[in-house]
Amino acid sequence: MNVQSVAAFLTLCLVAITAYYAWQTRRMVVEMRKAREMQVSPRLVLTLGPRVPGAASSGDYLYVENVGAGMALEVDIEVALEPSAPLKWRLQASSLASGERRKVERADVVGGEEDRGLRRETLALSYKGVRLLGTYRDVFGSLHQVDSELALREGWTVHPQRDA
């Protein structure tokens, strides 16, 4: 064995070790990018809540809420009743911050705020659920699609109102 053969072998080992470190570094960068995206990723869902925050017995009203950690940008979503009905509501907003929610309201009703809110007990008489469909972007510009449903009758019985 001469010195050149040993040097060539050691150089080959060094190249292999460097390639291994480069591969491991790439995996770590990809994992860190995914973790960062999850930390600032918005998530839009349908929720139920009182008409006035903290109010008791004001009925469950329908809201679109960002429950993710990041801001939703270029929000363009539609709220539709299931089974399908001609009534649909659209929310277009430049942004929806983390924790922010917007009440789904009927634009065709004239009156006070309590008259326009979509109440669970009213909707549950005719519909099984409410579907949220649409798109929004996160702060990195990635497009997210939402297609989720909120069951209106889950966990309770609906009794139609009877005339007294």
Protein backbone atom coordinates (compact mmCIF):
# COMPACT_ATOMS: atom_id res chain seq x y z
CA MET A 1 0.00 0.00 0.00
CA ASN A 2 1.43 3.30 -0.98
CA VAL A 3 0.76 6.78 0.34
CA GLN A 4 -1.37 7.78 -2.66
CA SER A 5 -3.76 4.87 -2.16
CA VAL A 6 -4.18 5.73 1.53
CA ALA A 7 -4.77 9.41 0.66
CA ALA A 8 -7.35 8.48 -1.99
CA PHE A 9 -9.15 6.17 0.44
CA LEU A 10 -9.22 8.84 3.19
CA THR A 11 -10.46 11.46 0.68
CA LEU A 12 -13.26 9.09 -0.34
CA CYS A 13 -14.19 8.60 3.34
CA LEU A 14 -14.22 12.37 3.85
CA VAL A 15 -16.52 12.84 0.82
CA ALA A 16 -18.90 10.15 2.16
CA ILE A 17 -19.00 11.74 5.63
CA THR A 18 -19.61 15.20 4.13
CA ALA A 19 -22.45 13.83 1.96
CA TYR A 20 -24.00 12.19 5.04
CA TYR A 21 -23.86 15.48 7.00
CA ALA A 22 -25.36 17.38 4.05
CA TRP A 23 -28.22 14.87 3.85
CA GLN A 24 -28.88 15.09 7.60
CA THR A 25 -28.80 18.90 7.46
CA ARG A 26 -31.34 18.91 4.61
CA ARG A 27 -33.68 16.66 6.63
CA MET A 28 -33.38 19.00 9.61
CA VAL A 29 -34.14 22.08 7.46
CA VAL A 30 -37.27 20.41 6.03
CA GLU A 31 -38.44 19.43 9.53
CA MET A 32 -37.83 22.95 10.87
CA ARG A 33 -39.74 24.46 7.94
CA LYS A 34 -42.73 22.19 8.65
CA ALA A 35 -42.64 23.11 12.35
CA ARG A 36 -42.49 26.84 11.52
CA GLU A 37 -45.41 26.51 9.10
CA MET A 38 -47.46 24.74 11.76
CA GLN A 39 -46.72 27.53 14.24
CA VAL A 40 -48.19 30.17 11.91
CA SER A 41 -50.80 28.08 10.13
CA PRO A 42 -54.38 29.37 10.27
CA ARG A 43 -57.35 27.01 10.58
CA LEU A 44 -60.88 28.17 9.88
CA VAL A 45 -63.80 26.28 11.43
CA LEU A 46 -67.47 26.76 12.18
CA THR A 47 -68.27 27.28 15.86
CA LEU A 48 -71.31 28.03 17.97
CA GLY A 49 -71.42 30.76 20.56
CA PRO A 50 -73.61 33.34 22.29
CA ARG A 51 -74.84 36.45 20.49
CA VAL A 52 -73.04 38.61 23.01
CA PRO A 53 -69.78 37.30 24.53
CA GLY A 54 -70.38 36.17 28.12
CA ALA A 55 -74.16 36.30 27.79
CA ALA A 56 -76.16 33.40 29.14
CA SER A 57 -79.10 31.84 27.33
CA SER A 58 -78.83 34.05 24.26
CA GLY A 59 -78.86 31.00 22.00
CA ASP A 60 -76.13 29.40 20.00
CA TYR A 61 -75.22 31.53 17.01
CA LEU A 62 -73.07 30.40 14.11
CA TYR A 63 -69.54 31.83 13.72
CA VAL A 64 -66.55 31.33 11.42
CA GLU A 65 -63.49 31.26 13.69
CA ASN A 66 -59.75 31.07 13.11
CA VAL A 67 -58.59 28.51 15.69
CA GLY A 68 -55.10 28.22 14.20
CA ALA A 69 -52.00 29.96 15.47
CA GLY A 70 -51.52 32.19 12.42
CA MET A 71 -53.42 34.84 10.51
CA ALA A 72 -55.63 33.82 7.60
CA LEU A 73 -55.23 36.11 4.59
CA GLU A 74 -57.36 36.55 1.46
CA VAL A 75 -60.25 34.69 3.06
CA ASP A 76 -62.92 33.62 0.58
CA ILE A 77 -65.32 31.10 2.13
CA GLU A 78 -68.92 30.08 1.76
CA VAL A 79 -71.26 28.75 4.41
CA ALA A 80 -73.99 26.44 3.13
CA LEU A 81 -76.72 24.41 4.80
CA GLU A 82 -76.86 20.59 4.59
CA PRO A 83 -78.93 19.13 3.02
CA SER A 84 -78.47 21.64 0.25
CA ALA A 85 -80.57 24.78 0.45
CA PRO A 86 -80.72 27.91 -1.68
CA LEU A 87 -79.46 29.99 1.26
CA LYS A 88 -75.69 30.50 1.26
CA TRP A 89 -73.48 33.02 2.98
CA ARG A 90 -70.13 34.25 1.80
CA LEU A 91 -67.30 35.73 3.83
CA GLN A 92 -64.59 37.59 1.99
CA ALA A 93 -62.00 39.29 4.16
CA SER A 94 -58.47 40.49 3.70
CA SER A 95 -57.50 38.91 7.03
CA LEU A 96 -58.81 36.94 9.98
CA ALA A 97 -56.47 36.95 12.98
CA SER A 98 -55.83 33.98 15.24
CA GLY A 99 -58.73 33.70 17.69
CA GLU A 100 -60.90 36.12 15.71
CA ARG A 101 -64.38 35.05 14.76
CA ARG A 102 -67.08 36.50 12.56
CA LYS A 103 -70.77 35.87 13.06
CA VAL A 104 -72.55 34.36 10.07
CA GLU A 105 -75.46 36.69 9.51
CA ARG A 106 -78.36 36.92 7.14
CA ALA A 107 -78.05 39.98 4.96
CA ASP A 108 -81.68 39.77 3.82
CA VAL A 109 -83.24 40.45 7.23
CA VAL A 110 -83.90 44.01 8.36
CA GLY A 111 -83.73 44.50 12.09
CA GLY A 112 -81.46 44.31 15.06
CA GLU A 113 -78.37 42.14 15.34
CA GLU A 114 -80.30 39.42 17.18
CA ASP A 115 -82.64 39.08 14.18
CA ARG A 116 -79.86 38.42 11.64
CA GLY A 117 -77.78 35.84 13.52
CA LEU A 118 -78.23 32.24 12.51
CA ARG A 119 -79.39 30.38 15.60
CA ARG A 120 -78.71 26.69 16.08
CA GLU A 121 -82.18 25.81 17.30
CA THR A 122 -83.79 27.50 14.29
CA LEU A 123 -81.48 25.88 11.74
CA ALA A 124 -81.64 22.42 13.36
CA LEU A 125 -85.37 22.18 12.72
CA SER A 126 -84.75 21.89 8.96
CA TYR A 127 -81.06 21.11 8.48
CA LYS A 128 -78.62 18.47 9.73
CA GLY A 129 -75.49 20.56 9.42
CA VAL A 130 -73.67 23.54 8.08
CA ARG A 131 -70.76 23.22 5.64
CA LEU A 132 -67.79 25.57 5.37
CA LEU A 133 -66.12 25.65 1.93
CA GLY A 134 -63.47 27.93 0.52
CA THR A 135 -59.87 29.06 0.50
CA TYR A 136 -57.47 31.28 2.43
CA ARG A 137 -53.72 31.90 2.56
CA ASP A 138 -51.21 31.83 5.41
CA VAL A 139 -48.47 34.43 5.99
CA PHE A 140 -46.10 32.49 3.72
CA GLY A 141 -48.60 32.73 0.84
CA SER A 142 -49.53 29.04 0.85
CA LEU A 143 -53.10 28.39 -0.23
CA HIS A 144 -55.29 26.39 2.17
CA GLN A 145 -58.64 24.85 1.32
CA VAL A 146 -61.35 24.28 3.88
CA ASP A 147 -64.19 21.80 3.60
CA SER A 148 -65.67 21.05 6.99
CA GLU A 149 -69.11 20.47 8.47
CA LEU A 150 -70.68 21.35 11.80
CA ALA A 151 -73.46 19.00 12.93
CA LEU A 152 -76.41 20.99 14.24
CA ARG A 153 -78.31 18.14 15.89
CA GLU A 154 -75.39 16.40 17.58
CA GLY A 155 -75.92 15.72 21.26
CA TRP A 156 -79.44 17.03 21.62
CA THR A 157 -82.98 16.42 20.46
CA VAL A 158 -84.84 18.87 18.27
CA HIS A 159 -88.51 19.37 19.12
CA PRO A 160 -90.54 21.48 16.68
CA GLN A 161 -92.41 24.32 18.31
CA ARG A 162 -96.05 23.57 18.97
CA ASP A 163 -98.84 26.08 18.94
CA ALA A 164 -100.31 26.52 22.38
